[in-house]
Amino acid sequence: MAAPKTSFYYSFLVLPADQRRAIIAVWEFCRAVDDAVDECDAPGALPADVAVAGWREELARCFAGTPPKTPQGQRLQPFIREFDLPRQAFEDVIDGVAMDLDHPRYETFDDLFEYCRRVASAVGMICIRIFRCTSPGSADYAMHLGLALQLTNIIRDVKNDLERGRVYLPLEDLRAAGCTVEELAAGRVTPAVRALLAFECRRAHDFYQKAVAARPDADKRRLVAAEIMRAVYGETLARIEQRDYDVFSSRVRVPKPQQALIALRQWLLPA
C-alpha cells in the first residue's frame, strides 16, 4: 500500500511497515468521510447527510467485527484490534466533518476549537496509539498539534473555503481586526486582512509551542512522524508570513525537496 501524496507523505515513510500501513488505512478512512461532505455536489454523489450516516454505519461494522462494505473500512478493520484504536476518536472525526453541514461560519474561537478538536486532534489520538506511545503526556501533545495543524490549514485555505461558502476564521476575530467576510472574499491583502491573518498565525504558533512543551521525552522517538508533520506545517505557516499573508494569489506550499529535507532533519535529531 503506497503512502498518499499529501503533506504527510514523508512522515508516513519513516514509520515501521506495520505502523505505516495502519496510518495509511486511518488516513484513507478519514479522507473518505471528509470527501462525503466536500464532494457531495459531484455527479452521482450521495447527499452529504446520507453519506455521513453511511460512514457511521461503516464505522460500527468495523468495530463490531462484522464485514465492512467499503474498501476503506476493510483496510482499517484489522488495525483496530492490532493497535487498540479508540472508537470515540473516529466518532469525533465523523462528528467534526458533519459540522460542515450546518456550520458554514463560526462565531467564536471556542466554537472553532471544538471543530478542530474533532477533525484534527481526534486523528492525533488515533495516531499515538499506532505510534505505541506510552506516556500520558502524548495525548496533550496530540491535542495541541492537531489544533495547530488544522489552524494552519484554515489560514492557508481561506480562498478555497470561501469558494465553498465557508468561513472558518472566527467572526469575532474578523470584527476585532476590522475585517469583513466581503473583504476576505475580495482576495486582497488589505491592512484589515493582514491584521486578521497575522493574529491567526500567532494563534497557530502558540499551539505549535504548546505541542512541543507537552511532548514527553519518553515518547520523543515514537513521535518522530508527528514531529515531521509539525515541522512541515510550521514551514507552511512561515511561508504564509513571508508572503505578507497573501493566501489568495496561489496556494502556499512547501516544495517536496524541502519537505524531504525537513523530514531528514527531524529523523536525525537525537532521541
C-alpha atoms as a PDB file:
ATOM      1  CA  MET A   1       0.000   0.000   0.000  1.00  0.00           C
ATOM      2  CA  ALA A   2       1.636   3.260  -1.103  1.00  0.00           C
ATOM      3  CA  ALA A   3       1.687   6.335   1.093  1.00  0.00           C
ATOM      4  CA  PRO A   4      -0.741   9.030  -0.126  1.00  0.00           C
ATOM      5  CA  LYS A   5       0.783  12.046  -1.856  1.00  0.00           C
ATOM      6  CA  THR A   6      -0.006  14.535   0.878  1.00  0.00           C
ATOM      7  CA  SER A   7       1.909  16.904   3.135  1.00  0.00           C
ATOM      8  CA  PHE A   8       2.173  13.903   5.461  1.00  0.00           C
ATOM      9  CA  TYR A   9       3.979  11.806   2.823  1.00  0.00           C
ATOM     10  CA  TYR A  10       7.449  11.909   4.361  1.00  0.00           C
ATOM     11  CA  SER A  11       6.169  11.423   7.888  1.00  0.00           C
ATOM     12  CA  PHE A  12       4.495   8.199   6.711  1.00  0.00           C
ATOM     13  CA  LEU A  13       7.734   6.962   5.133  1.00  0.00           C
ATOM     14  CA  VAL A  14       9.737   6.996   8.368  1.00  0.00           C
ATOM     15  CA  LEU A  15       7.350   4.614  10.127  1.00  0.00           C
ATOM     16  CA  PRO A  16       7.866   0.864  10.520  1.00  0.00           C
ATOM     17  CA  ALA A  17       5.877  -1.058   7.924  1.00  0.00           C
ATOM     18  CA  ASP A  18       3.055  -2.127  10.251  1.00  0.00           C
ATOM     19  CA  GLN A  19       2.559   1.381  11.589  1.00  0.00           C
ATOM     20  CA  ARG A  20       2.740   2.867   8.099  1.00  0.00           C
ATOM     21  CA  ARG A  21       0.011   0.534   6.827  1.00  0.00           C
ATOM     22  CA  ALA A  22      -2.164   1.388   9.835  1.00  0.00           C
ATOM     23  CA  ILE A  23      -1.673   5.144   9.452  1.00  0.00           C
ATOM     24  CA  ILE A  24      -2.493   4.985   5.745  1.00  0.00           C
ATOM     25  CA  ALA A  25      -5.652   2.979   6.470  1.00  0.00           C
ATOM     26  CA  VAL A  26      -6.742   5.568   9.041  1.00  0.00           C
ATOM     27  CA  TRP A  27      -5.899   8.418   6.658  1.00  0.00           C
ATOM     28  CA  GLU A  28      -7.905   6.823   3.821  1.00  0.00           C
ATOM     29  CA  PHE A  29     -10.928   6.236   6.056  1.00  0.00           C
ATOM     30  CA  CYS A  30     -10.926   9.800   7.414  1.00  0.00           C
ATOM     31  CA  ARG A  31     -10.332  11.207   3.929  1.00  0.00           C
ATOM     32  CA  ALA A  32     -13.347   9.317   2.604  1.00  0.00           C
ATOM     33  CA  VAL A  33     -15.528  10.665   5.418  1.00  0.00           C
ATOM     34  CA  ASP A  34     -14.363  14.205   4.657  1.00  0.00           C
ATOM     35  CA  ASP A  35     -14.974  13.754   0.921  1.00  0.00           C
ATOM     36  CA  ALA A  36     -18.541  12.674   1.689  1.00  0.00           C
ATOM     37  CA  VAL A  37     -19.246  16.301   2.535  1.00  0.00           C
ATOM     38  CA  ASP A  38     -16.728  18.165   0.375  1.00  0.00           C
ATOM     39  CA  GLU A  39     -17.665  16.318  -2.821  1.00  0.00           C
ATOM     40  CA  CYS A  40     -21.396  15.901  -2.256  1.00  0.00           C
ATOM     41  CA  ASP A  41     -22.135  18.079  -5.309  1.00  0.00           C
ATOM     42  CA  ALA A  42     -20.251  15.777  -7.661  1.00  0.00           C
ATOM     43  CA  PRO A  43     -22.339  13.886 -10.230  1.00  0.00           C
ATOM     44  CA  GLY A  44     -23.758  10.714  -8.734  1.00  0.00           C
ATOM     45  CA  ALA A  45     -22.689  11.572  -5.187  1.00  0.00           C
ATOM     46  CA  LEU A  46     -24.990  10.840  -2.283  1.00  0.00           C
ATOM     47  CA  PRO A  47     -26.479  13.749  -0.321  1.00  0.00           C
ATOM     48  CA  ALA A  48     -23.951  14.688   2.342  1.00  0.00           C
ATOM     49  CA  ASP A  49     -26.122  13.769   5.314  1.00  0.00           C
ATOM     50  CA  VAL A  50     -26.875  10.347   3.827  1.00  0.00           C
ATOM     51  CA  ALA A  51     -23.201   9.755   3.088  1.00  0.00           C
ATOM     52  CA  VAL A  52     -22.138  10.743   6.604  1.00  0.00           C
ATOM     53  CA  ALA A  53     -24.756   8.406   8.077  1.00  0.00           C
ATOM     54  CA  GLY A  54     -23.354   5.648   5.887  1.00  0.00           C
ATOM     55  CA  TRP A  55     -19.869   6.186   7.280  1.00  0.00           C
ATOM     56  CA  ARG A  56     -21.237   5.999  10.823  1.00  0.00           C
ATOM     57  CA  GLU A  57     -22.703   2.612   9.952  1.00  0.00           C
ATOM     58  CA  GLU A  58     -19.423   1.528   8.365  1.00  0.00           C
ATOM     59  CA  LEU A  59     -17.505   2.518  11.495  1.00  0.00           C
ATOM     60  CA  ALA A  60     -19.920   0.477  13.597  1.00  0.00           C
ATOM     61  CA  ARG A  61     -19.261  -2.539  11.374  1.00  0.00           C
ATOM     62  CA  CYS A  62     -15.516  -2.067  11.698  1.00  0.00           C
ATOM     63  CA  PHE A  63     -15.653  -2.091  15.483  1.00  0.00           C
ATOM     64  CA  ALA A  64     -18.285  -4.819  15.726  1.00  0.00           C
ATOM     65  CA  GLY A  65     -16.082  -7.184  13.751  1.00  0.00           C
ATOM     66  CA  THR A  66     -18.660  -7.641  11.009  1.00  0.00           C
ATOM     67  CA  PRO A  67     -17.515  -7.334   7.383  1.00  0.00           C
ATOM     68  CA  PRO A  68     -17.198  -3.688   6.273  1.00  0.00           C
ATOM     69  CA  LYS A  69     -18.769  -2.708   2.962  1.00  0.00           C
ATOM     70  CA  THR A  70     -16.169  -0.191   1.739  1.00  0.00           C
ATOM     71  CA  PRO A  71     -12.515  -0.680   0.765  1.00  0.00           C
ATOM     72  CA  GLN A  72     -11.583   1.918   3.397  1.00  0.00           C
ATOM     73  CA  GLY A  73     -13.396   0.058   6.139  1.00  0.00           C
ATOM     74  CA  GLN A  74     -11.957  -3.271   5.011  1.00  0.00           C
ATOM     75  CA  ARG A  75      -8.409  -1.910   5.193  1.00  0.00           C
ATOM     76  CA  LEU A  76      -8.981  -0.227   8.544  1.00  0.00           C
ATOM     77  CA  GLN A  77     -10.670  -3.058  10.424  1.00  0.00           C
ATOM     78  CA  PRO A  78      -7.616  -5.312  11.029  1.00  0.00           C
ATOM     79  CA  PHE A  79      -5.708  -2.467  12.656  1.00  0.00           C
ATOM     80  CA  ILE A  80      -8.447  -1.650  15.164  1.00  0.00           C
ATOM     81  CA  ARG A  81      -7.618  -4.680  17.265  1.00  0.00           C
ATOM     82  CA  GLU A  82      -3.891  -4.715  16.476  1.00  0.00           C
ATOM     83  CA  PHE A  83      -3.380  -1.184  17.802  1.00  0.00           C
ATOM     84  CA  ASP A  84      -6.420  -0.944  20.108  1.00  0.00           C
ATOM     85  CA  LEU A  85      -7.668   2.080  18.187  1.00  0.00           C
ATOM     86  CA  PRO A  86     -10.170   4.274  20.068  1.00  0.00           C
ATOM     87  CA  ARG A  87     -13.665   4.252  18.591  1.00  0.00           C
ATOM     88  CA  GLN A  88     -14.567   7.593  20.171  1.00  0.00           C
ATOM     89  CA  ALA A  89     -11.815   9.334  18.208  1.00  0.00           C
ATOM     90  CA  PHE A  90     -13.294   8.065  14.930  1.00  0.00           C
ATOM     91  CA  GLU A  91     -16.754   9.142  16.086  1.00  0.00           C
ATOM     92  CA  ASP A  92     -15.305  12.580  16.815  1.00  0.00           C
ATOM     93  CA  VAL A  93     -13.883  12.808  13.301  1.00  0.00           C
ATOM     94  CA  ILE A  94     -17.268  11.994  11.763  1.00  0.00           C
ATOM     95  CA  ASP A  95     -18.978  14.472  14.115  1.00  0.00           C
ATOM     96  CA  GLY A  96     -16.481  17.147  13.066  1.00  0.00           C
ATOM     97  CA  VAL A  97     -16.990  16.540   9.364  1.00  0.00           C
ATOM     98  CA  ALA A  98     -20.758  16.627   9.925  1.00  0.00           C
ATOM     99  CA  MET A  99     -20.395  20.117  11.402  1.00  0.00           C
ATOM    100  CA  ASP A 100     -19.687  21.334   7.867  1.00  0.00           C
ATOM    101  CA  LEU A 101     -23.319  20.535   7.020  1.00  0.00           C
ATOM    102  CA  ASP A 102     -24.725  23.229   9.282  1.00  0.00           C
ATOM    103  CA  HIS A 103     -21.782  25.348  10.452  1.00  0.00           C
ATOM    104  CA  PRO A 104     -20.565  27.377   7.465  1.00  0.00           C
ATOM    105  CA  ARG A 105     -19.304  30.036   9.903  1.00  0.00           C
ATOM    106  CA  TYR A 106     -18.022  30.126  13.472  1.00  0.00           C
ATOM    107  CA  GLU A 107     -18.801  32.996  15.795  1.00  0.00           C
ATOM    108  CA  THR A 108     -16.087  32.418  18.413  1.00  0.00           C
ATOM    109  CA  PHE A 109     -12.798  30.606  18.728  1.00  0.00           C
ATOM    110  CA  ASP A 110     -14.362  28.319  21.317  1.00  0.00           C
ATOM    111  CA  ASP A 111     -16.763  27.168  18.583  1.00  0.00           C
ATOM    112  CA  LEU A 112     -13.913  26.641  16.123  1.00  0.00           C
ATOM    113  CA  PHE A 113     -11.842  24.885  18.795  1.00  0.00           C
ATOM    114  CA  GLU A 114     -14.426  22.117  19.015  1.00  0.00           C
ATOM    115  CA  TYR A 115     -14.411  21.659  15.255  1.00  0.00           C
ATOM    116  CA  CYS A 116     -10.598  21.472  15.155  1.00  0.00           C
ATOM    117  CA  ARG A 117     -10.526  19.076  18.105  1.00  0.00           C
ATOM    118  CA  ARG A 118     -12.857  16.723  16.280  1.00  0.00           C
ATOM    119  CA  VAL A 119     -11.408  16.762  12.770  1.00  0.00           C
ATOM    120  CA  ALA A 120      -7.715  17.013  13.669  1.00  0.00           C
ATOM    121  CA  SER A 121      -6.849  16.363  17.316  1.00  0.00           C
ATOM    122  CA  ALA A 122      -9.009  13.234  17.306  1.00  0.00           C
ATOM    123  CA  VAL A 123      -6.873  11.886  14.469  1.00  0.00           C
ATOM    124  CA  GLY A 124      -3.851  12.594  16.633  1.00  0.00           C
ATOM    125  CA  MET A 125      -5.375  10.487  19.404  1.00  0.00           C
ATOM    126  CA  ILE A 126      -5.607   7.608  16.932  1.00  0.00           C
ATOM    127  CA  CYS A 127      -2.041   8.155  15.735  1.00  0.00           C
ATOM    128  CA  ILE A 128      -0.445   7.992  19.179  1.00  0.00           C
ATOM    129  CA  ARG A 129      -1.952   4.524  19.600  1.00  0.00           C
ATOM    130  CA  ILE A 130      -0.387   3.476  16.301  1.00  0.00           C
ATOM    131  CA  PHE A 131       2.933   5.035  17.331  1.00  0.00           C
ATOM    132  CA  ARG A 132       2.674   2.947  20.531  1.00  0.00           C
ATOM    133  CA  CYS A 133       3.190   5.950  22.768  1.00  0.00           C
ATOM    134  CA  THR A 134       3.286   5.124  26.469  1.00  0.00           C
ATOM    135  CA  SER A 135       3.297   8.486  28.216  1.00  0.00           C
ATOM    136  CA  PRO A 136       0.003  10.217  29.163  1.00  0.00           C
ATOM    137  CA  GLY A 137       1.601  13.465  28.002  1.00  0.00           C
ATOM    138  CA  SER A 138       1.418  12.294  24.408  1.00  0.00           C
ATOM    139  CA  ALA A 139      -2.342  12.912  24.459  1.00  0.00           C
ATOM    140  CA  ASP A 140      -1.747  16.592  25.297  1.00  0.00           C
ATOM    141  CA  TYR A 141       0.838  16.731  22.520  1.00  0.00           C
ATOM    142  CA  ALA A 142      -1.654  15.242  20.054  1.00  0.00           C
ATOM    143  CA  MET A 143      -4.378  17.658  21.130  1.00  0.00           C
ATOM    144  CA  HIS A 144      -2.244  20.783  20.693  1.00  0.00           C
ATOM    145  CA  LEU A 145      -0.576  19.620  17.491  1.00  0.00           C
ATOM    146  CA  GLY A 146      -3.905  18.754  15.897  1.00  0.00           C
ATOM    147  CA  LEU A 147      -5.204  22.229  16.660  1.00  0.00           C
ATOM    148  CA  ALA A 148      -2.051  23.827  15.232  1.00  0.00           C
ATOM    149  CA  LEU A 149      -2.188  21.773  12.031  1.00  0.00           C
ATOM    150  CA  GLN A 150      -5.862  22.484  11.461  1.00  0.00           C
ATOM    151  CA  LEU A 151      -5.448  26.203  12.086  1.00  0.00           C
ATOM    152  CA  THR A 152      -2.616  26.241   9.555  1.00  0.00           C
ATOM    153  CA  ASN A 153      -4.899  24.525   7.040  1.00  0.00           C
ATOM    154  CA  ILE A 154      -7.648  27.054   7.720  1.00  0.00           C
ATOM    155  CA  ILE A 155      -5.317  30.019   7.201  1.00  0.00           C
ATOM    156  CA  ARG A 156      -3.795  28.544   4.038  1.00  0.00           C
ATOM    157  CA  ASP A 157      -7.175  27.590   2.538  1.00  0.00           C
ATOM    158  CA  VAL A 158      -9.159  30.782   3.194  1.00  0.00           C
ATOM    159  CA  LYS A 159      -9.739  31.314  -0.517  1.00  0.00           C
ATOM    160  CA  ASN A 160     -10.875  27.753  -1.292  1.00  0.00           C
ATOM    161  CA  ASP A 161     -13.152  27.651   1.735  1.00  0.00           C
ATOM    162  CA  LEU A 162     -14.798  30.933   0.760  1.00  0.00           C
ATOM    163  CA  GLU A 163     -15.499  29.468  -2.675  1.00  0.00           C
ATOM    164  CA  ARG A 164     -17.412  26.699  -0.883  1.00  0.00           C
ATOM    165  CA  GLY A 165     -19.321  29.243   1.165  1.00  0.00           C
ATOM    166  CA  ARG A 166     -17.387  28.522   4.359  1.00  0.00           C
ATOM    167  CA  VAL A 167     -15.594  30.883   6.722  1.00  0.00           C
ATOM    168  CA  TYR A 168     -13.703  29.043   9.431  1.00  0.00           C
ATOM    169  CA  LEU A 169     -11.939  32.094  10.858  1.00  0.00           C
ATOM    170  CA  PRO A 170     -13.996  33.183  13.879  1.00  0.00           C
ATOM    171  CA  LEU A 171     -16.271  36.108  13.118  1.00  0.00           C
ATOM    172  CA  GLU A 172     -15.279  37.682  16.442  1.00  0.00           C
ATOM    173  CA  ASP A 173     -11.703  37.806  15.108  1.00  0.00           C
ATOM    174  CA  LEU A 174     -12.833  39.444  11.880  1.00  0.00           C
ATOM    175  CA  ARG A 175     -14.603  42.165  13.858  1.00  0.00           C
ATOM    176  CA  ALA A 176     -11.577  42.725  16.102  1.00  0.00           C
ATOM    177  CA  ALA A 177      -9.380  43.217  13.020  1.00  0.00           C
ATOM    178  CA  GLY A 178     -11.927  45.485  11.330  1.00  0.00           C
ATOM    179  CA  CYS A 179     -12.328  42.949   8.533  1.00  0.00           C
ATOM    180  CA  THR A 180     -15.487  41.744   6.817  1.00  0.00           C
ATOM    181  CA  VAL A 181     -16.260  38.493   5.023  1.00  0.00           C
ATOM    182  CA  GLU A 182     -16.712  40.508   1.837  1.00  0.00           C
ATOM    183  CA  GLU A 183     -13.206  41.939   2.254  1.00  0.00           C
ATOM    184  CA  LEU A 184     -11.791  38.428   2.601  1.00  0.00           C
ATOM    185  CA  ALA A 185     -13.747  37.285  -0.441  1.00  0.00           C
ATOM    186  CA  ALA A 186     -12.255  40.125  -2.498  1.00  0.00           C
ATOM    187  CA  GLY A 187      -8.917  38.309  -2.268  1.00  0.00           C
ATOM    188  CA  ARG A 188      -6.696  41.269  -1.491  1.00  0.00           C
ATOM    189  CA  VAL A 189      -4.322  41.681   1.458  1.00  0.00           C
ATOM    190  CA  THR A 190      -5.707  44.887   2.893  1.00  0.00           C
ATOM    191  CA  PRO A 191      -4.481  46.166   6.271  1.00  0.00           C
ATOM    192  CA  ALA A 192      -7.522  44.583   7.938  1.00  0.00           C
ATOM    193  CA  VAL A 193      -6.975  41.227   6.221  1.00  0.00           C
ATOM    194  CA  ARG A 194      -3.279  41.344   7.149  1.00  0.00           C
ATOM    195  CA  ALA A 195      -4.107  42.064  10.779  1.00  0.00           C
ATOM    196  CA  LEU A 196      -6.606  39.203  10.855  1.00  0.00           C
ATOM    197  CA  LEU A 197      -4.286  36.614   9.318  1.00  0.00           C
ATOM    198  CA  ALA A 198      -1.329  37.745  11.409  1.00  0.00           C
ATOM    199  CA  PHE A 199      -3.422  37.195  14.527  1.00  0.00           C
ATOM    200  CA  GLU A 200      -4.466  33.724  13.373  1.00  0.00           C
ATOM    201  CA  CYS A 201      -0.854  32.818  12.560  1.00  0.00           C
ATOM    202  CA  ARG A 202       0.208  33.831  16.068  1.00  0.00           C
ATOM    203  CA  ARG A 203      -2.540  31.627  17.473  1.00  0.00           C
ATOM    204  CA  ALA A 204      -1.330  28.674  15.388  1.00  0.00           C
ATOM    205  CA  HIS A 205       2.265  29.284  16.508  1.00  0.00           C
ATOM    206  CA  ASP A 206       1.048  29.229  20.098  1.00  0.00           C
ATOM    207  CA  PHE A 207      -0.444  25.762  19.654  1.00  0.00           C
ATOM    208  CA  TYR A 208       2.729  24.500  17.981  1.00  0.00           C
ATOM    209  CA  GLN A 209       4.665  25.741  21.006  1.00  0.00           C
ATOM    210  CA  LYS A 210       2.197  24.078  23.369  1.00  0.00           C
ATOM    211  CA  ALA A 211       2.668  20.808  21.495  1.00  0.00           C
ATOM    212  CA  VAL A 212       6.432  20.978  21.856  1.00  0.00           C
ATOM    213  CA  ALA A 213       6.118  21.825  25.536  1.00  0.00           C
ATOM    214  CA  ALA A 214       3.779  18.862  26.096  1.00  0.00           C
ATOM    215  CA  ARG A 215       5.892  16.354  24.137  1.00  0.00           C
ATOM    216  CA  PRO A 216       7.086  13.710  26.615  1.00  0.00           C
ATOM    217  CA  ASP A 217      10.743  12.740  26.447  1.00  0.00           C
ATOM    218  CA  ALA A 218       9.774   9.086  26.896  1.00  0.00           C
ATOM    219  CA  ASP A 219       7.892   9.115  23.576  1.00  0.00           C
ATOM    220  CA  LYS A 220      10.066  11.545  21.646  1.00  0.00           C
ATOM    221  CA  ARG A 221      11.385   8.916  19.242  1.00  0.00           C
ATOM    222  CA  ARG A 222       7.953   7.343  18.808  1.00  0.00           C
ATOM    223  CA  LEU A 223       6.607  10.759  17.800  1.00  0.00           C
ATOM    224  CA  VAL A 224       9.153  11.432  15.047  1.00  0.00           C
ATOM    225  CA  ALA A 225       6.486  11.085  12.319  1.00  0.00           C
ATOM    226  CA  ALA A 226       4.302  13.629  14.100  1.00  0.00           C
ATOM    227  CA  GLU A 227       7.315  15.902  14.519  1.00  0.00           C
ATOM    228  CA  ILE A 228       7.849  15.810  10.765  1.00  0.00           C
ATOM    229  CA  MET A 229       4.214  16.885  10.314  1.00  0.00           C
ATOM    230  CA  ARG A 230       4.787  19.677  12.824  1.00  0.00           C
ATOM    231  CA  ALA A 231       7.912  20.883  11.051  1.00  0.00           C
ATOM    232  CA  VAL A 232       6.400  20.780   7.540  1.00  0.00           C
ATOM    233  CA  TYR A 233       3.246  22.607   8.592  1.00  0.00           C
ATOM    234  CA  GLY A 234       5.305  25.043  10.639  1.00  0.00           C
ATOM    235  CA  GLU A 235       7.230  25.831   7.461  1.00  0.00           C
ATOM    236  CA  THR A 236       3.905  26.357   5.646  1.00  0.00           C
ATOM    237  CA  LEU A 237       2.918  28.877   8.300  1.00  0.00           C
ATOM    238  CA  ALA A 238       6.277  30.641   7.975  1.00  0.00           C
ATOM    239  CA  ARG A 239       5.848  30.887   4.209  1.00  0.00           C
ATOM    240  CA  ILE A 240       2.418  32.472   4.653  1.00  0.00           C
ATOM    241  CA  GLU A 241       4.022  35.102   6.869  1.00  0.00           C
ATOM    242  CA  GLN A 242       6.898  35.615   4.419  1.00  0.00           C
ATOM    243  CA  ARG A 243       4.347  36.245   1.652  1.00  0.00           C
ATOM    244  CA  ASP A 244       2.836  39.015   3.767  1.00  0.00           C
ATOM    245  CA  TYR A 245      -0.252  36.837   4.310  1.00  0.00           C
ATOM    246  CA  ASP A 246      -1.133  36.545   0.637  1.00  0.00           C
ATOM    247  CA  VAL A 247      -3.109  33.306   0.674  1.00  0.00           C
ATOM    248  CA  PHE A 248      -5.168  34.403  -2.327  1.00  0.00           C
ATOM    249  CA  SER A 249      -2.930  34.571  -5.405  1.00  0.00           C
ATOM    250  CA  SER A 250      -1.775  30.946  -5.142  1.00  0.00           C
ATOM    251  CA  ARG A 251      -1.818  28.122  -2.601  1.00  0.00           C
ATOM    252  CA  VAL A 252       1.105  28.248  -0.207  1.00  0.00           C
ATOM    253  CA  ARG A 253       3.090  25.023  -0.465  1.00  0.00           C
ATOM    254  CA  VAL A 254       6.326  23.582   0.848  1.00  0.00           C
ATOM    255  CA  PRO A 255       8.134  22.038  -2.165  1.00  0.00           C
ATOM    256  CA  LYS A 256       8.693  18.275  -1.971  1.00  0.00           C
ATOM    257  CA  PRO A 257      12.538  18.566  -1.797  1.00  0.00           C
ATOM    258  CA  GLN A 258      12.171  20.939   1.165  1.00  0.00           C
ATOM    259  CA  GLN A 259       9.737  18.538   2.822  1.00  0.00           C
ATOM    260  CA  ALA A 260      12.240  15.711   2.381  1.00  0.00           C
ATOM    261  CA  LEU A 261      14.992  17.806   3.948  1.00  0.00           C
ATOM    262  CA  ILE A 262      12.748  18.717   6.871  1.00  0.00           C
ATOM    263  CA  ALA A 263      11.930  15.031   7.379  1.00  0.00           C
ATOM    264  CA  LEU A 264      15.614  14.064   7.310  1.00  0.00           C
ATOM    265  CA  ARG A 265      16.474  16.719   9.868  1.00  0.00           C
ATOM    266  CA  GLN A 266      13.759  15.523  12.223  1.00  0.00           C
ATOM    267  CA  TRP A 267      14.807  11.898  11.755  1.00  0.00           C
ATOM    268  CA  LEU A 268      18.434  12.700  12.595  1.00  0.00           C
ATOM    269  CA  LEU A 269      17.652  14.636  15.768  1.00  0.00           C
ATOM    270  CA  PRO A 270      18.964  12.885  18.897  1.00  0.00           C
ATOM    271  CA  ALA A 271      16.403  10.868  20.810  1.00  0.00           C
END
